[in-house]
Amino acid sequence: MDIAALSMAMSTTQLKQQSSLAVMDKAMHNAESDGNQVVEMIEKSIPHPNLGSQVDLKG
C-alpha cells in the first residue's frame, strides 16, 4: 500500500471516529436534557404534603 492510500485510509478512519463521537455527545446531551425534564415534571406533579390530610366537618 502506498503512502497516499494509507494517508487516505487513516484520514477516513479519523473522520468516522470524530463523527461518531459528535453523534454520541449529542445523544448524551439530549438524554441529560430529557432526564432533567422528567425530574422537573415529577417534582411538579407531587402534591403538597399537607394537602388533603384534613377534612373540615363543620357545617
PDB file of N, CA and C in Angstrom:
ATOM      1  N   MET A   1       0.862  -1.175   0.000  1.00  0.00           N
ATOM      2  CA  MET A   1       0.000   0.000   0.000  1.00  0.00           C
ATOM      3  C   MET A   1       0.907   1.237   0.000  1.00  0.00           C
ATOM      4  N   ASP A   2       0.621   2.152  -0.877  1.00  0.00           N
ATOM      5  CA  ASP A   2       1.467   3.344  -0.951  1.00  0.00           C
ATOM      6  C   ASP A   2       1.076   4.371   0.119  1.00  0.00           C
ATOM      7  N   ILE A   3       1.891   5.389   0.246  1.00  0.00           N
ATOM      8  CA  ILE A   3       1.723   6.404   1.293  1.00  0.00           C
ATOM      9  C   ILE A   3       0.408   7.168   1.124  1.00  0.00           C
ATOM     10  N   ALA A   4       0.048   7.514  -0.103  1.00  0.00           N
ATOM     11  CA  ALA A   4      -1.171   8.287  -0.348  1.00  0.00           C
ATOM     12  C   ALA A   4      -2.407   7.483   0.061  1.00  0.00           C
ATOM     13  N   ALA A   5      -2.449   6.210  -0.295  1.00  0.00           N
ATOM     14  CA  ALA A   5      -3.599   5.371   0.058  1.00  0.00           C
ATOM     15  C   ALA A   5      -3.682   5.179   1.571  1.00  0.00           C
ATOM     16  N   LEU A   6      -2.550   4.998   2.202  1.00  0.00           N
ATOM     17  CA  LEU A   6      -2.513   4.852   3.650  1.00  0.00           C
ATOM     18  C   LEU A   6      -2.990   6.137   4.331  1.00  0.00           C
ATOM     19  N   SER A   7      -2.563   7.266   3.813  1.00  0.00           N
ATOM     20  CA  SER A   7      -2.985   8.555   4.361  1.00  0.00           C
ATOM     21  C   SER A   7      -4.490   8.742   4.209  1.00  0.00           C
ATOM     22  N   MET A   8      -5.038   8.372   3.062  1.00  0.00           N
ATOM     23  CA  MET A   8      -6.486   8.487   2.832  1.00  0.00           C
ATOM     24  C   MET A   8      -7.250   7.567   3.777  1.00  0.00           C
ATOM     25  N   ALA A   9      -6.766   6.345   3.959  1.00  0.00           N
ATOM     26  CA  ALA A   9      -7.440   5.399   4.847  1.00  0.00           C
ATOM     27  C   ALA A   9      -7.424   5.909   6.286  1.00  0.00           C
ATOM     28  N   MET A  10      -6.300   6.446   6.735  1.00  0.00           N
ATOM     29  CA  MET A  10      -6.206   6.968   8.094  1.00  0.00           C
ATOM     30  C   MET A  10      -7.096   8.193   8.274  1.00  0.00           C
ATOM     31  N   SER A  11      -7.153   9.033   7.254  1.00  0.00           N
ATOM     32  CA  SER A  11      -7.989  10.225   7.319  1.00  0.00           C
ATOM     33  C   SER A  11      -9.465   9.841   7.392  1.00  0.00           C
ATOM     34  N   THR A  12      -9.863   8.853   6.602  1.00  0.00           N
ATOM     35  CA  THR A  12     -11.248   8.387   6.604  1.00  0.00           C
ATOM     36  C   THR A  12     -11.615   7.794   7.960  1.00  0.00           C
ATOM     37  N   THR A  13     -10.708   7.016   8.518  1.00  0.00           N
ATOM     38  CA  THR A  13     -10.938   6.419   9.838  1.00  0.00           C
ATOM     39  C   THR A  13     -11.078   7.494  10.905  1.00  0.00           C
ATOM     40  N   GLN A  14     -10.225   8.491  10.843  1.00  0.00           N
ATOM     41  CA  GLN A  14     -10.280   9.576  11.819  1.00  0.00           C
ATOM     42  C   GLN A  14     -11.586  10.355  11.684  1.00  0.00           C
ATOM     43  N   LEU A  15     -12.032  10.604  10.459  1.00  0.00           N
ATOM     44  CA  LEU A  15     -13.290  11.320  10.243  1.00  0.00           C
ATOM     45  C   LEU A  15     -14.468  10.527  10.786  1.00  0.00           C
ATOM     46  N   LYS A  16     -14.486   9.219  10.549  1.00  0.00           N
ATOM     47  CA  LYS A  16     -15.567   8.381  11.068  1.00  0.00           C
ATOM     48  C   LYS A  16     -15.582   8.404  12.591  1.00  0.00           C
ATOM     49  N   GLN A  17     -14.400   8.341  13.188  1.00  0.00           N
ATOM     50  CA  GLN A  17     -14.307   8.348  14.642  1.00  0.00           C
ATOM     51  C   GLN A  17     -14.785   9.683  15.213  1.00  0.00           C
ATOM     52  N   GLN A  18     -14.397  10.791  14.596  1.00  0.00           N
ATOM     53  CA  GLN A  18     -14.822  12.112  15.078  1.00  0.00           C
ATOM     54  C   GLN A  18     -16.327  12.292  14.927  1.00  0.00           C
ATOM     55  N   SER A  19     -16.890  11.823  13.813  1.00  0.00           N
ATOM     56  CA  SER A  19     -18.334  11.977  13.632  1.00  0.00           C
ATOM     57  C   SER A  19     -19.100  11.077  14.600  1.00  0.00           C
ATOM     58  N   SER A  20     -18.581   9.886  14.886  1.00  0.00           N
ATOM     59  CA  SER A  20     -19.228   9.007  15.872  1.00  0.00           C
ATOM     60  C   SER A  20     -19.220   9.651  17.255  1.00  0.00           C
ATOM     61  N   LEU A  21     -18.110  10.255  17.617  1.00  0.00           N
ATOM     62  CA  LEU A  21     -18.025  10.923  18.914  1.00  0.00           C
ATOM     63  C   LEU A  21     -18.969  12.128  18.985  1.00  0.00           C
ATOM     64  N   ALA A  22     -19.097  12.850  17.879  1.00  0.00           N
ATOM     65  CA  ALA A  22     -20.001  14.004  17.861  1.00  0.00           C
ATOM     66  C   ALA A  22     -21.449  13.556  18.017  1.00  0.00           C
ATOM     67  N   VAL A  23     -21.822  12.473  17.351  1.00  0.00           N
ATOM     68  CA  VAL A  23     -23.184  11.949  17.470  1.00  0.00           C
ATOM     69  C   VAL A  23     -23.435  11.449  18.892  1.00  0.00           C
ATOM     70  N   MET A  24     -22.456  10.759  19.484  1.00  0.00           N
ATOM     71  CA  MET A  24     -22.605  10.265  20.847  1.00  0.00           C
ATOM     72  C   MET A  24     -22.721  11.421  21.831  1.00  0.00           C
ATOM     73  N   ASP A  25     -21.947  12.472  21.628  1.00  0.00           N
ATOM     74  CA  ASP A  25     -22.015  13.641  22.502  1.00  0.00           C
ATOM     75  C   ASP A  25     -23.399  14.287  22.425  1.00  0.00           C
ATOM     76  N   LYS A  26     -23.932  14.399  21.223  1.00  0.00           N
ATOM     77  CA  LYS A  26     -25.268  14.980  21.040  1.00  0.00           C
ATOM     78  C   LYS A  26     -26.327  14.102  21.703  1.00  0.00           C
ATOM     79  N   ALA A  27     -26.208  12.786  21.557  1.00  0.00           N
ATOM     80  CA  ALA A  27     -27.170  11.872  22.174  1.00  0.00           C
ATOM     81  C   ALA A  27     -27.107  11.963  23.697  1.00  0.00           C
ATOM     82  N   MET A  28     -25.906  12.060  24.241  1.00  0.00           N
ATOM     83  CA  MET A  28     -25.763  12.178  25.697  1.00  0.00           C
ATOM     84  C   MET A  28     -26.355  13.490  26.194  1.00  0.00           C
ATOM     85  N   HIS A  29     -26.151  14.553  25.448  1.00  0.00           N
ATOM     86  CA  HIS A  29     -26.705  15.852  25.835  1.00  0.00           C
ATOM     87  C   HIS A  29     -28.241  15.795  25.814  1.00  0.00           C
ATOM     88  N   ASN A  30     -28.797  15.174  24.768  1.00  0.00           N
ATOM     89  CA  ASN A  30     -30.253  15.046  24.680  1.00  0.00           C
ATOM     90  C   ASN A  30     -30.806  14.194  25.812  1.00  0.00           C
ATOM     91  N   ALA A  31     -30.127  13.105  26.146  1.00  0.00           N
ATOM     92  CA  ALA A  31     -30.576  12.236  27.232  1.00  0.00           C
ATOM     93  C   ALA A  31     -30.536  12.971  28.568  1.00  0.00           C
ATOM     94  N   GLU A  32     -29.487  13.753  28.788  1.00  0.00           N
ATOM     95  CA  GLU A  32     -29.391  14.518  30.030  1.00  0.00           C
ATOM     96  C   GLU A  32     -30.508  15.551  30.114  1.00  0.00           C
ATOM     97  N   SER A  33     -30.774  16.218  29.013  1.00  0.00           N
ATOM     98  CA  SER A  33     -31.837  17.219  28.976  1.00  0.00           C
ATOM     99  C   SER A  33     -33.198  16.576  29.230  1.00  0.00           C
ATOM    100  N   ASP A  34     -33.443  15.436  28.576  1.00  0.00           N
ATOM    101  CA  ASP A  34     -34.706  14.729  28.776  1.00  0.00           C
ATOM    102  C   ASP A  34     -34.847  14.267  30.220  1.00  0.00           C
ATOM    103  N   GLY A  35     -33.761  13.779  30.807  1.00  0.00           N
ATOM    104  CA  GLY A  35     -33.791  13.341  32.199  1.00  0.00           C
ATOM    105  C   GLY A  35     -34.104  14.483  33.141  1.00  0.00           C
ATOM    106  N   ASN A  36     -33.508  15.635  32.885  1.00  0.00           N
ATOM    107  CA  ASN A  36     -33.791  16.810  33.725  1.00  0.00           C
ATOM    108  C   ASN A  36     -35.251  17.226  33.599  1.00  0.00           C
ATOM    109  N   GLN A  37     -35.800  17.139  32.401  1.00  0.00           N
ATOM    110  CA  GLN A  37     -37.206  17.496  32.195  1.00  0.00           C
ATOM    111  C   GLN A  37     -38.134  16.523  32.916  1.00  0.00           C
ATOM    112  N   VAL A  38     -37.782  15.234  32.922  1.00  0.00           N
ATOM    113  CA  VAL A  38     -38.596  14.242  33.623  1.00  0.00           C
ATOM    114  C   VAL A  38     -38.561  14.498  35.128  1.00  0.00           C
ATOM    115  N   VAL A  39     -37.378  14.782  35.657  1.00  0.00           N
ATOM    116  CA  VAL A  39     -37.264  15.077  37.092  1.00  0.00           C
ATOM    117  C   VAL A  39     -38.092  16.307  37.440  1.00  0.00           C
ATOM    118  N   GLU A  40     -38.008  17.331  36.616  1.00  0.00           N
ATOM    119  CA  GLU A  40     -38.790  18.550  36.865  1.00  0.00           C
ATOM    120  C   GLU A  40     -40.288  18.267  36.813  1.00  0.00           C
ATOM    121  N   MET A  41     -40.715  17.459  35.863  1.00  0.00           N
ATOM    122  CA  MET A  41     -42.127  17.121  35.736  1.00  0.00           C
ATOM    123  C   MET A  41     -42.598  16.329  36.959  1.00  0.00           C
ATOM    124  N   ILE A  42     -41.775  15.395  37.435  1.00  0.00           N
ATOM    125  CA  ILE A  42     -42.139  14.601  38.611  1.00  0.00           C
ATOM    126  C   ILE A  42     -42.223  15.498  39.841  1.00  0.00           C
ATOM    127  N   GLU A  43     -41.272  16.421  39.982  1.00  0.00           N
ATOM    128  CA  GLU A  43     -41.303  17.324  41.134  1.00  0.00           C
ATOM    129  C   GLU A  43     -42.544  18.202  41.125  1.00  0.00           C
ATOM    130  N   LYS A  44     -42.971  18.627  39.941  1.00  0.00           N
ATOM    131  CA  LYS A  44     -44.172  19.459  39.847  1.00  0.00           C
ATOM    132  C   LYS A  44     -45.445  18.658  40.092  1.00  0.00           C
ATOM    133  N   SER A  45     -45.419  17.347  39.850  1.00  0.00           N
ATOM    134  CA  SER A  45     -46.634  16.545  39.989  1.00  0.00           C
ATOM    135  C   SER A  45     -46.861  16.073  41.419  1.00  0.00           C
ATOM    136  N   ILE A  46     -45.862  16.191  42.290  1.00  0.00           N
ATOM    137  CA  ILE A  46     -46.015  15.773  43.689  1.00  0.00           C
ATOM    138  C   ILE A  46     -46.848  16.828  44.410  1.00  0.00           C
ATOM    139  N   PRO A  47     -47.974  16.418  44.988  1.00  0.00           N
ATOM    140  CA  PRO A  47     -48.818  17.411  45.672  1.00  0.00           C
ATOM    141  C   PRO A  47     -48.176  17.888  46.973  1.00  0.00           C
ATOM    142  N   HIS A  48     -48.721  18.941  47.494  1.00  0.00           N
ATOM    143  CA  HIS A  48     -48.257  19.479  48.778  1.00  0.00           C
ATOM    144  C   HIS A  48     -48.455  18.416  49.849  1.00  0.00           C
ATOM    145  N   PRO A  49     -47.497  18.232  50.767  1.00  0.00           N
ATOM    146  CA  PRO A  49     -47.589  17.144  51.752  1.00  0.00           C
ATOM    147  C   PRO A  49     -48.785  17.254  52.695  1.00  0.00           C
ATOM    148  N   ASN A  50     -49.288  18.453  52.963  1.00  0.00           N
ATOM    149  CA  ASN A  50     -50.423  18.618  53.878  1.00  0.00           C
ATOM    150  C   ASN A  50     -51.756  18.693  53.142  1.00  0.00           C
ATOM    151  N   LEU A  51     -51.728  18.720  51.846  1.00  0.00           N
ATOM    152  CA  LEU A  51     -52.955  18.854  51.064  1.00  0.00           C
ATOM    153  C   LEU A  51     -53.789  17.580  51.168  1.00  0.00           C
ATOM    154  N   GLY A  52     -55.038  17.708  51.622  1.00  0.00           N
ATOM    155  CA  GLY A  52     -55.938  16.571  51.703  1.00  0.00           C
ATOM    156  C   GLY A  52     -55.788  15.733  52.942  1.00  0.00           C
ATOM    157  N   SER A  53     -54.944  16.144  53.877  1.00  0.00           N
ATOM    158  CA  SER A  53     -54.756  15.342  55.081  1.00  0.00           C
ATOM    159  C   SER A  53     -55.792  15.662  56.167  1.00  0.00           C
ATOM    160  N   GLN A  54     -56.515  16.757  56.015  1.00  0.00           N
ATOM    161  CA  GLN A  54     -57.520  17.148  56.996  1.00  0.00           C
ATOM    162  C   GLN A  54     -58.848  17.361  56.301  1.00  0.00           C
ATOM    163  N   VAL A  55     -59.915  16.948  56.969  1.00  0.00           N
ATOM    164  CA  VAL A  55     -61.260  17.149  56.436  1.00  0.00           C
ATOM    165  C   VAL A  55     -62.001  18.072  57.377  1.00  0.00           C
ATOM    166  N   ASP A  56     -62.603  19.129  56.853  1.00  0.00           N
ATOM    167  CA  ASP A  56     -63.370  20.081  57.644  1.00  0.00           C
ATOM    168  C   ASP A  56     -64.798  19.568  57.758  1.00  0.00           C
ATOM    169  N   LEU A  57     -65.204  19.164  58.954  1.00  0.00           N
ATOM    170  CA  LEU A  57     -66.553  18.614  59.158  1.00  0.00           C
ATOM    171  C   LEU A  57     -67.532  19.622  59.742  1.00  0.00           C
ATOM    172  N   LYS A  58     -67.108  20.859  59.985  1.00  0.00           N
ATOM    173  CA  LYS A  58     -68.007  21.889  60.493  1.00  0.00           C
ATOM    174  C   LYS A  58     -68.951  22.286  59.352  1.00  0.00           C
ATOM    175  N   GLY A  59     -70.148  22.584  59.699  1.00  0.00           N
ATOM    176  CA  GLY A  59     -71.030  22.972  58.623  1.00  0.00           C
ATOM    177  C   GLY A  59     -72.134  23.829  58.966  1.00  0.00           C
TER     178      GLY A  59
END
